[in-house]
Amino acid sequence: MNPEEIFPGCSTFFTKEQWGQLFQEESPGVFPEKFAQISDELQKSWNLPAYLDDLARLEWILFQARQRGCRQMPETVQQLTVNPTLELIKLDWQHLPALLRESDQGEVNPPQPGEEFILVYCQPQTGKVHLQTASEADLLALKIVIDDLSPELLAKEQEVPVGRIDQSLSQAVHRGILLKPESRIRRNPDSFPRGNNIPLKYFSSPVFTLQWHITQVCDLHCKHCYDRSDRVSLQKEQGFHILDDLRRFCLEHHVRGQISFSGGNPLLHPHFFEFYQGAVDRNLMVAILGNPASKETMEKILAIKKPVFYQVSLEGLEEHNNYIRGKGHYRRVMEFLDLLRELDVYSMVMLTLTRDNMDQVLPLGEELRQKVDLFTFNRLAMVGEGAQLKSAEPDEYAVFLKKYMDAATENPILSLKDNLMNIIRKEQGQPFFGGCAGHGCGAAFNFFSILPDGEAHACRKLPSYIGNVFEKSIHDVYHGEKAKQYRAGTEACSACSIRPVCGGCLAVVHGFGLDVFHDKDPYCFIE
């Protein structure tokens, strides 16, 4: 091997004659010790940098790592594990990696004396050898795993939220420094009919979402509201119990946790900001399903952390929307969407599809084109007060879906959500998408809902009780028999080849007075 290919950074400090003298034919070794053996006299006369020894050692380790590649990488691990290809190198000089980067990094700090740790490893996602300076968070993550430290105790000792420790571990996994087990939120592909080559990513979820209805109190009274029941308010201590329980559940199942705060209007709960901060302090992603809020309120939220998204609802163009949600609501939402854009918050608008607003969906999408990041819809669940409205005609629904999907190719904010769209994608020979929850019907699979009194439901849009988190842990509720039954979905879909990305809508089935465990979605048009 040509020494210049092994030590490209070091070679730049030598003339051709000096390089040839260092690597003579009768002494063809290319080990980094060659550079350490250069006498002080030669070092001065050749004007070589004092950090040459460290740079040579770093390049030699990098070369060896590239030769090995990812051969040592296991296919799976059973617990959080240090990447077996990783080498942690202690140098006496800082900023040396910048000398080895092939791309133009712009202005970089010159090497200077000082201790620095470097990581060299094969990145499991890309299969390429990666070199980076180890941050304090990287070193902490490695120490936690190697010494089997408790994140809870460590957080207590350092007087920081435990989520900060969890985040160090998550970031190390994301970079490939640590390896973590596969998500335990998964379905067995062998338990589904074969024939459509559905990608494996739709059988396993990296995220578990808790749709958390912290209050029933709302400043609206919509005509399609599916639950106006008067439930006991969530107490502060109960809320923190749920946050701790969700964190444990997600760690046990090797997934990221997300809380979508909902209600009623979650912002009206007296402890909303404490719950929001508590979720962030536990390294849980946060989102809000709510009503328009003031700039002052939004700035208070952003001071804690920007939500993954903020979702509001519209039910059609101005006149129809205000008929459903109240006078002036349409303009308040439009103004709020401008505020979200001003504050750089990802915005989403959800519509509940009925017979009376189906023809307004695409016009509304045009109204929202420059105002919102994502617009989509759910079909009406004829539950609660929504039972007084009329569902779209099933015979007309397939035609509507095709028009919507065609429009989505031209209007970037129109999002695909309804599971039944995968029937059309199958007919057209297009790749499947994840459907309603990223995995077809995700009820009690990659999400469930918790109400203010602790009741857990597979899906909030229909009565689907699976337990109470004040009586059982989230783990026990999730793995309970009732949750498993909702997770399996209806028997009518069990033989369908696109079931992993579909399953219809259980809430719609229930709204039509059908059996969610036996009957098919009345809108299904698969042949």
Protein backbone atom coordinates (compact mmCIF):
# COMPACT_ATOMS: atom_id res chain seq x y z
CA MET A 1 0.00 0.00 0.00
CA ASN A 2 1.34 3.42 -0.94
CA PRO A 3 2.09 5.35 2.32
CA GLU A 4 0.56 8.50 0.81
CA GLU A 5 -2.80 6.71 0.60
CA ILE A 6 -2.58 5.83 4.28
CA PHE A 7 -1.25 9.18 5.53
CA PRO A 8 -2.65 11.77 3.11
CA GLY A 9 -2.68 14.49 5.76
CA CYS A 10 0.84 13.85 7.01
CA SER A 11 2.28 13.61 3.51
CA THR A 12 1.42 17.24 2.78
CA PHE A 13 4.13 18.41 5.20
CA PHE A 14 6.98 16.65 3.32
CA THR A 15 8.75 17.23 0.06
CA LYS A 16 9.00 14.30 -2.33
CA GLU A 17 12.63 13.75 -1.30
CA GLN A 18 11.82 13.90 2.44
CA TRP A 19 8.93 11.49 1.98
CA GLY A 20 11.16 9.06 0.09
CA GLN A 21 13.79 9.30 2.82
CA LEU A 22 11.21 8.52 5.49
CA PHE A 23 9.87 5.48 3.63
CA GLN A 24 12.95 3.88 2.06
CA GLU A 25 12.62 0.79 -0.10
CA GLU A 26 14.66 -1.30 2.33
CA SER A 27 12.32 -0.18 5.12
CA PRO A 28 8.85 -0.23 3.56
CA GLY A 29 6.83 -0.16 6.82
CA VAL A 30 4.03 2.38 7.00
CA PHE A 31 3.26 2.30 10.71
CA PRO A 32 2.68 5.60 12.52
CA GLU A 33 5.75 4.95 14.69
CA LYS A 34 7.76 6.05 11.65
CA PHE A 35 6.69 9.62 12.35
CA ALA A 36 7.45 9.36 16.06
CA GLN A 37 11.00 8.22 15.23
CA ILE A 38 11.83 11.41 13.33
CA SER A 39 14.65 13.07 15.25
CA ASP A 40 14.24 16.51 16.78
CA GLU A 41 16.96 17.73 14.44
CA LEU A 42 15.11 16.59 11.33
CA GLN A 43 11.82 17.87 12.71
CA LYS A 44 13.28 21.37 12.96
CA SER A 45 15.19 21.31 9.69
CA TRP A 46 12.18 19.93 7.77
CA ASN A 47 9.85 22.39 9.53
CA LEU A 48 7.42 19.64 10.60
CA PRO A 49 4.48 20.40 12.91
CA ALA A 50 4.65 19.25 16.53
CA TYR A 51 1.33 17.44 16.14
CA LEU A 52 2.59 15.16 13.35
CA ASP A 53 2.78 12.11 15.63
CA ASP A 54 -0.86 12.46 16.71
CA LEU A 55 -2.00 13.09 13.15
CA ALA A 56 -0.19 9.98 11.90
CA ARG A 57 -1.72 7.84 14.63
CA LEU A 58 -5.18 9.14 13.77
CA GLU A 59 -4.72 8.46 10.04
CA TRP A 60 -3.41 4.96 10.70
CA ILE A 61 -6.43 4.07 12.86
CA LEU A 62 -8.75 5.56 10.23
CA PHE A 63 -7.08 3.50 7.49
CA GLN A 64 -7.39 0.27 9.50
CA ALA A 65 -11.06 1.02 10.24
CA ARG A 66 -11.76 1.47 6.53
CA GLN A 67 -10.05 -1.82 5.78
CA ARG A 68 -12.25 -3.64 8.30
CA GLY A 69 -15.47 -1.86 7.32
CA CYS A 70 -18.59 -3.04 9.14
CA ARG A 71 -17.66 -6.71 9.39
CA GLN A 72 -17.86 -6.60 13.19
CA MET A 73 -21.36 -5.09 13.20
CA PRO A 74 -24.02 -7.42 14.63
CA GLU A 75 -27.40 -7.66 12.90
CA THR A 76 -29.26 -7.11 16.18
CA VAL A 77 -28.46 -6.41 19.82
CA GLN A 78 -30.43 -7.30 22.93
CA GLN A 79 -29.60 -4.19 24.92
CA LEU A 80 -28.03 -0.78 24.47
CA THR A 81 -24.52 -1.60 23.26
CA VAL A 82 -21.36 0.26 22.26
CA ASN A 83 -20.74 -0.01 18.51
CA PRO A 84 -18.12 -2.81 18.34
CA THR A 85 -16.26 -1.03 15.53
CA LEU A 86 -15.77 2.09 17.63
CA GLU A 87 -12.32 3.27 18.66
CA LEU A 88 -11.92 6.08 21.18
CA ILE A 89 -8.63 7.88 20.64
CA LYS A 90 -7.09 10.30 23.10
CA LEU A 91 -4.93 12.94 21.41
CA ASP A 92 -2.71 15.67 22.85
CA TRP A 93 -3.72 18.08 20.10
CA GLN A 94 -7.11 19.55 19.25
CA HIS A 95 -8.79 20.14 15.85
CA LEU A 96 -6.82 17.49 13.95
CA PRO A 97 -9.90 15.90 12.26
CA ALA A 98 -10.36 19.12 10.26
CA LEU A 99 -7.07 18.38 8.49
CA LEU A 100 -8.43 15.05 7.21
CA ARG A 101 -11.72 16.19 5.73
CA GLU A 102 -11.83 15.96 1.98
CA SER A 103 -14.63 18.50 1.42
CA ASP A 104 -14.22 22.23 1.83
CA GLN A 105 -15.16 22.99 5.42
CA GLY A 106 -14.50 26.70 5.12
CA GLU A 107 -12.49 28.36 7.87
CA VAL A 108 -11.39 25.84 10.54
CA ASN A 109 -9.53 26.23 13.81
CA PRO A 110 -5.81 25.41 13.49
CA PRO A 111 -4.43 22.57 15.63
CA GLN A 112 -3.48 23.60 19.13
CA PRO A 113 -2.16 21.79 22.21
CA GLY A 114 -4.85 20.30 24.42
CA GLU A 115 -6.52 16.98 25.20
CA GLU A 116 -9.17 15.83 22.76
CA PHE A 117 -11.02 12.54 22.24
CA ILE A 118 -11.76 11.30 18.73
CA LEU A 119 -14.28 8.65 17.67
CA VAL A 120 -13.63 6.42 14.67
CA TYR A 121 -16.34 3.88 13.80
CA CYS A 122 -18.43 2.33 11.08
CA GLN A 123 -21.80 4.08 10.87
CA PRO A 124 -24.43 1.30 10.78
CA GLN A 125 -26.97 3.25 8.70
CA THR A 126 -24.53 4.18 5.92
CA GLY A 127 -21.91 1.44 6.21
CA LYS A 128 -19.20 4.11 5.98
CA VAL A 129 -16.38 4.79 8.43
CA HIS A 130 -17.05 7.96 10.36
CA LEU A 131 -14.61 10.20 12.22
CA GLN A 132 -15.69 12.87 14.68
CA THR A 133 -14.56 14.73 17.75
CA ALA A 134 -16.25 13.26 20.81
CA SER A 135 -18.54 15.69 22.60
CA GLU A 136 -19.19 15.62 26.32
CA ALA A 137 -22.58 14.06 25.56
CA ASP A 138 -20.89 11.31 23.50
CA LEU A 139 -18.48 10.51 26.30
CA LEU A 140 -21.30 10.52 28.84
CA ALA A 141 -23.35 8.11 26.72
CA LEU A 142 -20.41 5.74 26.40
CA LYS A 143 -19.72 5.88 30.12
CA ILE A 144 -23.37 5.12 30.97
CA VAL A 145 -23.38 2.00 28.80
CA ILE A 146 -19.87 0.75 29.63
CA ASP A 147 -20.26 1.27 33.40
CA ASP A 148 -23.96 0.31 33.42
CA LEU A 149 -24.96 3.55 35.14
CA SER A 150 -28.54 4.45 36.02
CA PRO A 151 -29.73 7.51 34.05
CA GLU A 152 -32.13 8.34 36.90
CA LEU A 153 -29.39 8.33 39.55
CA LEU A 154 -26.99 10.18 37.27
CA ALA A 155 -29.58 12.87 36.60
CA LYS A 156 -30.18 13.22 40.33
CA GLU A 157 -26.43 13.54 41.03
CA GLN A 158 -25.98 16.15 38.29
CA GLU A 159 -29.23 17.93 39.21
CA VAL A 160 -30.53 17.84 35.64
CA PRO A 161 -33.76 16.44 34.15
CA VAL A 162 -33.44 12.74 33.34
CA GLY A 163 -34.47 13.55 29.78
CA ARG A 164 -31.14 15.29 29.28
CA ILE A 165 -29.38 12.01 30.04
CA ASP A 166 -31.82 10.09 27.83
CA GLN A 167 -31.17 12.59 25.04
CA SER A 168 -27.41 11.94 25.21
CA LEU A 169 -28.11 8.25 24.70
CA SER A 170 -30.60 8.91 21.89
CA GLN A 171 -28.15 11.16 20.07
CA ALA A 172 -25.40 8.56 20.41
CA VAL A 173 -27.73 5.95 18.89
CA HIS A 174 -28.67 8.33 16.08
CA ARG A 175 -24.99 8.89 15.26
CA GLY A 176 -24.26 5.16 15.40
CA ILE A 177 -21.93 5.35 18.39
CA LEU A 178 -24.33 3.14 20.33
CA LEU A 179 -26.53 0.35 18.99
CA LYS A 180 -29.99 -0.24 20.41
CA PRO A 181 -32.36 -3.20 20.08
CA GLU A 182 -35.11 -3.19 17.47
CA SER A 183 -38.40 -1.54 18.36
CA ARG A 184 -40.74 -3.78 20.31
CA ILE A 185 -43.68 -1.93 18.75
CA ARG A 186 -43.86 -4.34 15.86
CA ARG A 187 -46.08 -6.72 13.95
CA ASN A 188 -45.00 -10.09 12.66
CA PRO A 189 -44.94 -9.95 8.84
CA ASP A 190 -45.57 -13.71 8.72
CA SER A 191 -48.95 -13.23 10.36
CA PHE A 192 -50.26 -11.27 7.35
CA PRO A 193 -51.19 -12.44 3.84
CA ARG A 194 -48.38 -12.14 1.33
CA GLY A 195 -48.36 -10.92 -2.22
CA ASN A 196 -47.87 -7.14 -2.26
CA ASN A 197 -44.28 -6.83 -1.06
CA ILE A 198 -45.17 -4.32 1.63
CA PRO A 199 -41.93 -2.77 2.98
CA LEU A 200 -40.83 -4.02 6.39
CA LYS A 201 -40.77 -0.46 7.75
CA TYR A 202 -44.58 -0.60 7.96
CA PHE A 203 -44.42 -3.52 10.41
CA SER A 204 -42.30 -1.76 13.04
CA SER A 205 -42.68 1.69 14.57
CA PRO A 206 -39.75 3.71 15.98
CA VAL A 207 -42.18 6.03 17.81
CA PHE A 208 -45.05 5.49 20.24
CA THR A 209 -47.55 8.35 20.52
CA LEU A 210 -49.81 9.06 23.44
CA GLN A 211 -52.76 11.24 22.48
CA TRP A 212 -53.26 12.79 25.89
CA HIS A 213 -56.61 14.43 26.56
CA ILE A 214 -55.69 16.33 29.70
CA THR A 215 -59.03 18.15 29.98
CA GLN A 216 -62.57 18.04 28.64
CA VAL A 217 -62.85 21.84 28.99
CA CYS A 218 -63.15 23.54 25.60
CA ASP A 219 -63.85 27.05 24.34
CA LEU A 220 -65.78 25.64 21.37
CA HIS A 221 -68.89 23.49 21.06
CA CYS A 222 -68.59 21.82 17.67
CA LYS A 223 -71.55 20.05 16.12
CA HIS A 224 -69.52 16.89 15.46
CA CYS A 225 -67.80 16.61 18.87
CA TYR A 226 -67.48 12.96 19.76
CA ASP A 227 -67.25 13.42 23.54
CA ARG A 228 -68.83 16.18 25.61
CA SER A 229 -68.92 14.03 28.75
CA ASP A 230 -68.04 15.68 32.05
CA ARG A 231 -64.96 13.80 33.23
CA VAL A 232 -63.01 14.55 36.39
CA SER A 233 -60.05 16.85 35.73
CA LEU A 234 -56.54 15.44 35.60
CA GLN A 235 -54.63 16.28 38.77
CA LYS A 236 -51.04 17.51 38.69
CA GLU A 237 -49.57 14.47 40.49
CA GLN A 238 -51.50 12.12 38.21
CA GLY A 239 -50.12 13.90 35.15
CA PHE A 240 -46.50 13.48 36.26
CA HIS A 241 -47.21 9.82 37.06
CA ILE A 242 -48.34 9.33 33.43
CA LEU A 243 -45.24 11.12 32.11
CA ASP A 244 -42.91 8.89 34.14
CA ASP A 245 -44.85 5.80 33.12
CA LEU A 246 -44.72 6.70 29.43
CA ARG A 247 -40.96 7.30 29.62
CA ARG A 248 -40.46 3.84 31.15
CA PHE A 249 -42.70 2.23 28.53
CA CYS A 250 -40.77 3.82 25.65
CA LEU A 251 -37.39 2.83 27.09
CA GLU A 252 -38.60 -0.74 27.61
CA HIS A 253 -39.84 -0.89 24.02
CA HIS A 254 -36.82 0.91 22.48
CA VAL A 255 -38.87 3.67 20.86
CA ARG A 256 -39.06 7.45 21.00
CA GLY A 257 -42.08 8.71 22.86
CA GLN A 258 -44.36 11.49 21.71
CA ILE A 259 -47.17 13.21 23.54
CA SER A 260 -49.84 14.92 21.48
CA PHE A 261 -51.55 17.21 23.97
CA SER A 262 -55.28 17.35 23.33
CA GLY A 263 -58.63 17.89 25.03
CA GLY A 264 -61.04 19.71 24.97
CA ASN A 265 -58.55 22.49 24.56
CA PRO A 266 -55.34 21.39 26.33
CA LEU A 267 -54.21 25.00 26.80
CA LEU A 268 -57.12 25.54 29.19
CA HIS A 269 -55.81 23.03 31.72
CA PRO A 270 -54.33 24.92 34.71
CA HIS A 271 -51.18 22.74 34.66
CA PHE A 272 -50.68 22.56 30.88
CA PHE A 273 -47.32 24.31 30.90
CA GLU A 274 -46.05 22.14 33.75
CA PHE A 275 -47.08 18.98 31.87
CA TYR A 276 -45.53 20.33 28.67
CA GLN A 277 -42.26 21.09 30.49
CA GLY A 278 -42.44 17.70 32.20
CA ALA A 279 -42.70 15.92 28.86
CA VAL A 280 -39.67 17.82 27.51
CA ASP A 281 -37.75 17.06 30.72
CA ARG A 282 -38.29 13.35 30.02
CA ASN A 283 -37.02 13.58 26.42
CA LEU A 284 -40.51 13.03 25.01
CA MET A 285 -41.44 14.72 21.74
CA VAL A 286 -44.33 17.16 22.10
CA ALA A 287 -47.15 18.19 19.79
CA ILE A 288 -50.39 20.11 20.32
CA LEU A 289 -53.88 19.38 19.01
CA GLY A 290 -55.70 22.51 20.04
CA ASN A 291 -57.46 25.74 19.16
CA PRO A 292 -55.97 29.09 18.14
CA ALA A 293 -53.82 30.67 20.85
CA SER A 294 -52.39 34.12 21.49
CA LYS A 295 -48.88 35.13 20.53
CA GLU A 296 -48.03 35.46 24.21
CA THR A 297 -49.13 31.86 24.84
CA MET A 298 -47.19 30.57 21.86
CA GLU A 299 -44.03 32.38 22.95
CA LYS A 300 -44.38 30.81 26.37
CA ILE A 301 -44.63 27.38 24.73
CA LEU A 302 -41.63 28.07 22.50
CA ALA A 303 -39.59 29.17 25.50
CA ILE A 304 -39.88 25.56 26.70
CA LYS A 305 -39.56 23.82 23.32
CA LYS A 306 -40.96 24.14 19.83
CA PRO A 307 -43.65 21.49 19.30
CA VAL A 308 -43.21 18.92 16.54
CA PHE A 309 -46.43 20.38 15.14
CA TYR A 310 -49.47 22.39 16.18
CA GLN A 311 -52.75 21.11 14.74
CA VAL A 312 -56.00 23.06 14.45
CA SER A 313 -59.24 22.15 12.69
CA LEU A 314 -61.35 23.60 9.92
CA GLU A 315 -64.52 22.00 8.58
CA GLY A 316 -64.73 23.60 5.16
CA LEU A 317 -64.95 27.10 3.75
CA GLU A 318 -65.85 30.00 6.03
CA GLU A 319 -69.65 29.74 6.16
CA HIS A 320 -69.81 25.98 6.68
CA ASN A 321 -66.87 25.93 9.11
CA ASN A 322 -68.47 28.60 11.29
CA TYR A 323 -71.76 26.67 11.22
CA ILE A 324 -69.92 23.66 12.69
CA ARG A 325 -67.39 25.39 14.98
CA GLY A 326 -68.88 28.76 15.79
CA LYS A 327 -69.06 32.32 14.50
CA GLY A 328 -65.68 33.90 13.69
CA HIS A 329 -63.74 30.62 14.06
CA TYR A 330 -62.57 30.52 10.44
CA ARG A 331 -60.88 33.90 10.57
CA ARG A 332 -59.32 33.16 13.96
CA VAL A 333 -57.76 30.00 12.55
CA MET A 334 -56.46 31.81 9.46
CA GLU A 335 -54.85 34.49 11.62
CA PHE A 336 -53.40 31.84 13.90
CA LEU A 337 -51.87 30.00 10.96
CA ASP A 338 -50.11 33.24 10.01
CA LEU A 339 -48.79 33.44 13.57
CA LEU A 340 -47.49 29.87 13.45
CA ARG A 341 -45.68 30.65 10.23
CA GLU A 342 -44.22 33.80 11.75
CA LEU A 343 -42.95 31.75 14.72
CA ASP A 344 -41.67 28.94 12.45
CA VAL A 345 -43.94 26.31 14.00
CA TYR A 346 -44.99 23.41 11.76
CA SER A 347 -48.73 23.81 11.24
CA MET A 348 -51.39 21.23 10.44
CA VAL A 349 -55.09 21.59 9.65
CA MET A 350 -57.46 18.66 10.11
CA LEU A 351 -60.96 18.42 8.61
CA THR A 352 -63.71 15.99 9.58
CA LEU A 353 -65.23 14.79 6.33
CA THR A 354 -69.05 14.71 6.09
CA ARG A 355 -71.61 14.58 3.31
CA ASP A 356 -72.02 18.36 3.56
CA ASN A 357 -68.38 19.40 3.24
CA MET A 358 -66.88 16.81 0.89
CA ASP A 359 -67.10 19.23 -2.03
CA GLN A 360 -65.29 21.91 0.00
CA VAL A 361 -62.13 19.90 0.78
CA LEU A 362 -60.18 20.75 -2.37
CA PRO A 363 -61.25 24.43 -2.47
CA LEU A 364 -60.20 24.73 1.17
CA GLY A 365 -56.88 23.12 0.26
CA GLU A 366 -56.34 25.94 -2.23
CA GLU A 367 -57.23 28.55 0.40
CA LEU A 368 -54.63 27.00 2.73
CA ARG A 369 -51.90 26.44 0.14
CA GLN A 370 -49.74 29.35 1.30
CA LYS A 371 -50.82 29.28 4.95
CA VAL A 372 -50.26 25.80 6.34
CA ASP A 373 -47.63 23.08 6.15
CA LEU A 374 -50.07 20.16 5.98
CA PHE A 375 -53.79 19.72 5.41
CA THR A 376 -55.69 16.46 5.59
CA PHE A 377 -58.96 14.91 6.76
CA ASN A 378 -60.56 12.12 8.75
CA ARG A 379 -63.95 10.67 7.90
CA LEU A 380 -66.73 11.50 10.33
CA ALA A 381 -67.10 9.09 13.22
CA MET A 382 -70.81 9.12 13.98
CA VAL A 383 -70.16 9.11 17.72
CA GLY A 384 -71.39 11.55 20.36
CA GLU A 385 -72.78 14.71 18.81
CA GLY A 386 -71.26 13.63 15.49
CA ALA A 387 -74.07 11.06 15.24
CA GLN A 388 -76.38 13.94 14.29
CA LEU A 389 -74.39 14.68 11.11
CA LYS A 390 -74.48 12.77 7.84
CA SER A 391 -71.52 10.73 6.66
CA ALA A 392 -70.38 10.94 3.08
CA GLU A 393 -72.08 8.50 0.72
CA PRO A 394 -69.92 5.34 0.58
CA ASP A 395 -70.68 4.90 -3.15
CA GLU A 396 -69.17 8.32 -3.89
CA TYR A 397 -66.12 8.02 -1.70
CA ALA A 398 -63.73 6.23 -4.08
CA VAL A 399 -64.28 8.91 -6.73
CA PHE A 400 -63.58 11.63 -4.14
CA LEU A 401 -60.38 9.90 -2.98
CA LYS A 402 -59.04 9.71 -6.53
CA LYS A 403 -59.72 13.42 -7.07
CA TYR A 404 -58.03 14.25 -3.77
CA MET A 405 -54.98 12.13 -4.60
CA ASP A 406 -54.70 13.70 -8.04
CA ALA A 407 -54.91 17.17 -6.47
CA ALA A 408 -52.20 16.19 -3.96
CA THR A 409 -49.71 15.86 -6.82
CA GLU A 410 -50.21 19.59 -7.54
CA ASN A 411 -50.88 20.99 -4.06
CA PRO A 412 -47.98 20.09 -1.71
CA ILE A 413 -49.93 20.68 1.51
CA LEU A 414 -52.50 17.94 0.76
CA SER A 415 -51.43 14.95 2.83
CA LEU A 416 -52.37 11.31 2.28
CA LYS A 417 -53.90 9.86 5.42
CA ASP A 418 -56.96 7.67 4.88
CA ASN A 419 -56.00 3.98 4.81
CA LEU A 420 -58.31 3.33 1.86
CA MET A 421 -56.04 5.42 -0.37
CA ASN A 422 -53.75 2.40 -0.48
CA ILE A 423 -56.43 0.55 -2.44
CA ILE A 424 -56.05 3.14 -5.20
CA ARG A 425 -52.27 3.06 -4.98
CA LYS A 426 -52.42 -0.72 -5.39
CA GLU A 427 -54.67 -0.38 -8.44
CA GLN A 428 -52.33 2.20 -9.96
CA GLY A 429 -49.19 0.18 -9.23
CA GLN A 430 -47.82 2.91 -6.95
CA PRO A 431 -45.83 2.27 -3.76
CA PHE A 432 -47.89 2.02 -0.60
CA PHE A 433 -47.79 4.73 2.06
CA GLY A 434 -48.24 4.25 5.79
CA GLY A 435 -51.91 5.10 5.98
CA CYS A 436 -53.62 6.77 8.92
CA ALA A 437 -50.96 6.26 11.59
CA GLY A 438 -47.97 5.22 9.50
CA HIS A 439 -48.84 1.54 9.92
CA GLY A 440 -52.38 1.35 8.62
CA CYS A 441 -54.83 1.51 11.50
CA GLY A 442 -52.56 2.19 14.46
CA ALA A 443 -55.20 1.84 17.19
CA ALA A 444 -53.46 0.33 20.25
CA PHE A 445 -50.43 -0.35 18.06
CA ASN A 446 -48.24 2.75 17.77
CA PHE A 447 -50.62 4.99 19.70
CA PHE A 448 -53.51 5.10 22.09
CA SER A 449 -55.38 7.80 23.98
CA ILE A 450 -55.62 8.63 27.66
CA LEU A 451 -58.51 10.70 29.02
CA PRO A 452 -58.43 13.01 32.06
CA ASP A 453 -59.74 10.29 34.39
CA GLY A 454 -57.04 7.82 33.33
CA GLU A 455 -59.17 5.82 30.90
CA ALA A 456 -57.12 4.49 27.98
CA HIS A 457 -58.78 3.99 24.60
CA ALA A 458 -57.38 2.30 21.51
CA CYS A 459 -58.65 5.25 19.45
CA ARG A 460 -60.21 8.43 20.78
CA LYS A 461 -62.75 8.63 17.97
CA LEU A 462 -64.76 5.69 19.28
CA PRO A 463 -65.43 4.09 22.67
CA SER A 464 -62.54 1.59 22.77
CA TYR A 465 -61.67 1.12 26.44
CA ILE A 466 -58.49 -0.90 27.03
CA GLY A 467 -57.74 -0.10 30.68
CA ASN A 468 -57.04 2.68 33.16
CA VAL A 469 -53.50 3.99 33.67
CA PHE A 470 -54.27 4.90 37.28
CA GLU A 471 -54.97 1.23 37.94
CA LYS A 472 -52.41 -0.41 35.64
CA SER A 473 -49.13 0.65 34.05
CA ILE A 474 -49.07 1.76 30.43
CA HIS A 475 -47.08 -1.42 29.76
CA ASP A 476 -49.82 -3.63 31.19
CA VAL A 477 -52.58 -1.70 29.41
CA TYR A 478 -50.74 -1.96 26.08
CA HIS A 479 -50.15 -5.69 26.45
CA GLY A 480 -53.62 -6.42 27.84
CA GLU A 481 -56.07 -8.65 25.99
CA LYS A 482 -58.42 -5.80 25.06
CA ALA A 483 -55.61 -3.77 23.48
CA LYS A 484 -54.46 -6.85 21.55
CA GLN A 485 -57.98 -7.28 20.22
CA TYR A 486 -58.15 -3.69 18.91
CA ARG A 487 -54.60 -3.99 17.58
CA ALA A 488 -55.60 -7.01 15.50
CA GLY A 489 -58.47 -5.05 13.96
CA THR A 490 -61.47 -6.56 12.25
CA GLU A 491 -61.60 -10.16 11.09
CA ALA A 492 -63.02 -8.91 7.80
CA CYS A 493 -59.56 -7.52 6.90
CA SER A 494 -57.48 -10.46 8.13
CA ALA A 495 -57.12 -12.05 4.70
CA CYS A 496 -56.52 -8.77 2.84
CA SER A 497 -53.07 -8.46 1.32
CA ILE A 498 -52.80 -4.73 2.12
CA ARG A 499 -53.87 -5.07 5.76
CA PRO A 500 -50.48 -3.87 7.18
CA VAL A 501 -51.04 -0.47 5.56
CA CYS A 502 -54.82 -0.36 5.81
CA GLY A 503 -57.40 -2.01 8.07
CA GLY A 504 -60.04 0.58 7.33
CA CYS A 505 -61.26 2.87 10.13
CA LEU A 506 -62.64 1.29 13.29
CA ALA A 507 -64.32 4.55 14.33
CA VAL A 508 -66.28 4.69 11.07
CA VAL A 509 -67.27 1.03 11.43
CA HIS A 510 -68.53 1.74 14.96
CA GLY A 511 -70.38 4.87 13.81
CA PHE A 512 -72.36 2.81 11.32
CA GLY A 513 -73.48 0.50 14.12
CA LEU A 514 -71.24 -2.36 12.96
CA ASP A 515 -68.95 -4.67 14.96
CA VAL A 516 -65.37 -3.32 14.90
CA PHE A 517 -63.94 -6.79 15.47
CA HIS A 518 -65.87 -8.55 12.72
CA ASP A 519 -67.21 -6.11 10.12
CA LYS A 520 -65.49 -4.36 7.24
CA ASP A 521 -65.22 -0.60 6.81
CA PRO A 522 -68.41 0.28 4.85
CA TYR A 523 -66.37 2.55 2.58
CA CYS A 524 -63.94 -0.17 1.50
CA PHE A 525 -63.98 -0.67 -2.28
CA ILE A 526 -61.19 -3.19 -2.76
CA GLU A 527 -62.04 -5.88 -5.30
